[in-house]
Amino acid sequence: MFQLLACNLACLAIAGLYYAWRDVHTHRRKRERLNDRVAYMLWVAANRTA
């Protein structure tokens, strides 16, 4: 009985760590994409005025 409980808790811990990592990674990727788009927009605007 204890082995089954320990296995389930281990699976839950691994799943929790994975979902936490995925949320951070997804947020970071969205932020980088936004920064790239803003930088490109500023570069295009600067080239039009020059």
N, C-alpha and C. Protein backbone atom coordinates (compact mmCIF):
# COMPACT_ATOMS: atom_id res chain seq x y z
N MET A 1 0.82 -1.19 0.00
CA MET A 1 0.00 0.00 0.00
C MET A 1 0.87 1.26 0.00
N PHE A 2 1.92 1.25 0.83
CA PHE A 2 2.80 2.42 0.90
C PHE A 2 3.53 2.64 -0.42
N GLN A 3 3.91 1.55 -1.08
CA GLN A 3 4.62 1.68 -2.36
C GLN A 3 3.73 2.33 -3.41
N LEU A 4 2.47 1.99 -3.43
CA LEU A 4 1.53 2.59 -4.38
C LEU A 4 1.37 4.08 -4.10
N LEU A 5 1.27 4.44 -2.84
CA LEU A 5 1.14 5.84 -2.45
C LEU A 5 2.41 6.61 -2.81
N ALA A 6 3.56 6.02 -2.55
CA ALA A 6 4.83 6.67 -2.87
C ALA A 6 4.97 6.87 -4.38
N CYS A 7 4.57 5.90 -5.16
CA CYS A 7 4.64 6.01 -6.61
C CYS A 7 3.72 7.13 -7.11
N ASN A 8 2.51 7.18 -6.58
CA ASN A 8 1.57 8.22 -6.98
C ASN A 8 2.08 9.61 -6.59
N LEU A 9 2.65 9.73 -5.41
CA LEU A 9 3.19 11.02 -4.99
C LEU A 9 4.37 11.44 -5.86
N ALA A 10 5.20 10.48 -6.23
CA ALA A 10 6.34 10.80 -7.10
C ALA A 10 5.85 11.27 -8.47
N CYS A 11 4.85 10.59 -9.01
CA CYS A 11 4.29 11.00 -10.31
C CYS A 11 3.67 12.38 -10.21
N LEU A 12 2.99 12.67 -9.13
CA LEU A 12 2.39 13.98 -8.93
C LEU A 12 3.45 15.06 -8.82
N ALA A 13 4.54 14.77 -8.12
CA ALA A 13 5.62 15.74 -7.98
C ALA A 13 6.29 16.02 -9.33
N ILE A 14 6.52 14.98 -10.10
CA ILE A 14 7.14 15.16 -11.42
C ILE A 14 6.23 15.96 -12.33
N ALA A 15 4.95 15.64 -12.33
CA ALA A 15 4.00 16.39 -13.16
C ALA A 15 3.93 17.85 -12.72
N GLY A 16 3.93 18.09 -11.43
CA GLY A 16 3.90 19.47 -10.93
C GLY A 16 5.13 20.26 -11.35
N LEU A 17 6.29 19.64 -11.25
CA LEU A 17 7.52 20.31 -11.68
C LEU A 17 7.50 20.60 -13.18
N TYR A 18 7.03 19.65 -13.96
CA TYR A 18 6.97 19.85 -15.41
C TYR A 18 6.03 20.99 -15.77
N TYR A 19 4.84 21.03 -15.17
CA TYR A 19 3.88 22.08 -15.50
C TYR A 19 4.38 23.44 -15.04
N ALA A 20 5.06 23.51 -13.91
CA ALA A 20 5.64 24.77 -13.45
C ALA A 20 6.72 25.24 -14.42
N TRP A 21 7.59 24.32 -14.85
CA TRP A 21 8.64 24.68 -15.81
C TRP A 21 8.03 25.14 -17.13
N ARG A 22 7.00 24.44 -17.60
CA ARG A 22 6.36 24.78 -18.87
C ARG A 22 5.72 26.17 -18.82
N ASP A 23 5.09 26.50 -17.70
CA ASP A 23 4.48 27.83 -17.57
C ASP A 23 5.53 28.92 -17.62
N VAL A 24 6.64 28.73 -16.92
CA VAL A 24 7.72 29.73 -16.93
C VAL A 24 8.33 29.83 -18.32
N HIS A 25 8.58 28.70 -18.95
CA HIS A 25 9.20 28.69 -20.28
C HIS A 25 8.29 29.35 -21.31
N THR A 26 6.99 29.07 -21.26
CA THR A 26 6.04 29.66 -22.20
C THR A 26 5.95 31.16 -22.00
N HIS A 27 5.91 31.61 -20.76
CA HIS A 27 5.85 33.04 -20.48
C HIS A 27 7.10 33.74 -20.98
N ARG A 28 8.27 33.13 -20.76
CA ARG A 28 9.52 33.72 -21.20
C ARG A 28 9.58 33.81 -22.72
N ARG A 29 9.11 32.77 -23.41
CA ARG A 29 9.12 32.76 -24.88
C ARG A 29 8.18 33.84 -25.43
N LYS A 30 7.01 34.01 -24.83
CA LYS A 30 6.09 35.05 -25.27
C LYS A 30 6.70 36.43 -25.07
N ARG A 31 7.39 36.60 -23.94
CA ARG A 31 8.02 37.89 -23.64
C ARG A 31 9.13 38.19 -24.65
N GLU A 32 9.94 37.19 -24.98
CA GLU A 32 11.01 37.39 -25.96
C GLU A 32 10.45 37.72 -27.33
N ARG A 33 9.37 37.05 -27.72
CA ARG A 33 8.74 37.32 -29.01
C ARG A 33 8.20 38.75 -29.05
N LEU A 34 7.60 39.20 -27.95
CA LEU A 34 7.10 40.57 -27.88
C LEU A 34 8.25 41.57 -27.97
N ASN A 35 9.34 41.29 -27.28
CA ASN A 35 10.50 42.19 -27.35
C ASN A 35 11.06 42.26 -28.77
N ASP A 36 11.11 41.13 -29.46
CA ASP A 36 11.60 41.12 -30.84
C ASP A 36 10.69 41.94 -31.75
N ARG A 37 9.40 41.81 -31.57
CA ARG A 37 8.46 42.56 -32.41
C ARG A 37 8.55 44.06 -32.15
N VAL A 38 8.69 44.45 -30.90
CA VAL A 38 8.82 45.87 -30.58
C VAL A 38 10.13 46.42 -31.14
N ALA A 39 11.20 45.66 -31.03
CA ALA A 39 12.49 46.10 -31.58
C ALA A 39 12.41 46.26 -33.09
N TYR A 40 11.75 45.33 -33.77
CA TYR A 40 11.60 45.42 -35.22
C TYR A 40 10.74 46.62 -35.59
N MET A 41 9.66 46.86 -34.85
CA MET A 41 8.80 48.00 -35.12
C MET A 41 9.58 49.31 -34.98
N LEU A 42 10.40 49.42 -33.94
CA LEU A 42 11.21 50.62 -33.75
C LEU A 42 12.26 50.77 -34.84
N TRP A 43 12.84 49.65 -35.29
CA TRP A 43 13.83 49.70 -36.35
C TRP A 43 13.20 50.17 -37.66
N VAL A 44 12.03 49.67 -37.98
CA VAL A 44 11.32 50.08 -39.21
C VAL A 44 10.96 51.56 -39.12
N ALA A 45 10.47 52.01 -37.97
CA ALA A 45 10.10 53.40 -37.80
C ALA A 45 11.32 54.31 -37.92
N ALA A 46 12.45 53.88 -37.38
CA ALA A 46 13.67 54.68 -37.47
C ALA A 46 14.18 54.75 -38.91
N ASN A 47 14.06 53.68 -39.66
CA ASN A 47 14.52 53.69 -41.06
C ASN A 47 13.62 54.54 -41.94
N ARG A 48 12.35 54.64 -41.63
CA ARG A 48 11.44 55.47 -42.42
C ARG A 48 11.73 56.94 -42.23
N THR A 49 12.14 57.34 -41.03
CA THR A 49 12.40 58.74 -40.76
C THR A 49 13.78 59.17 -41.21
N ALA A 50 14.67 58.23 -41.40
CA ALA A 50 16.05 58.56 -41.77
C ALA A 50 16.21 58.82 -43.25
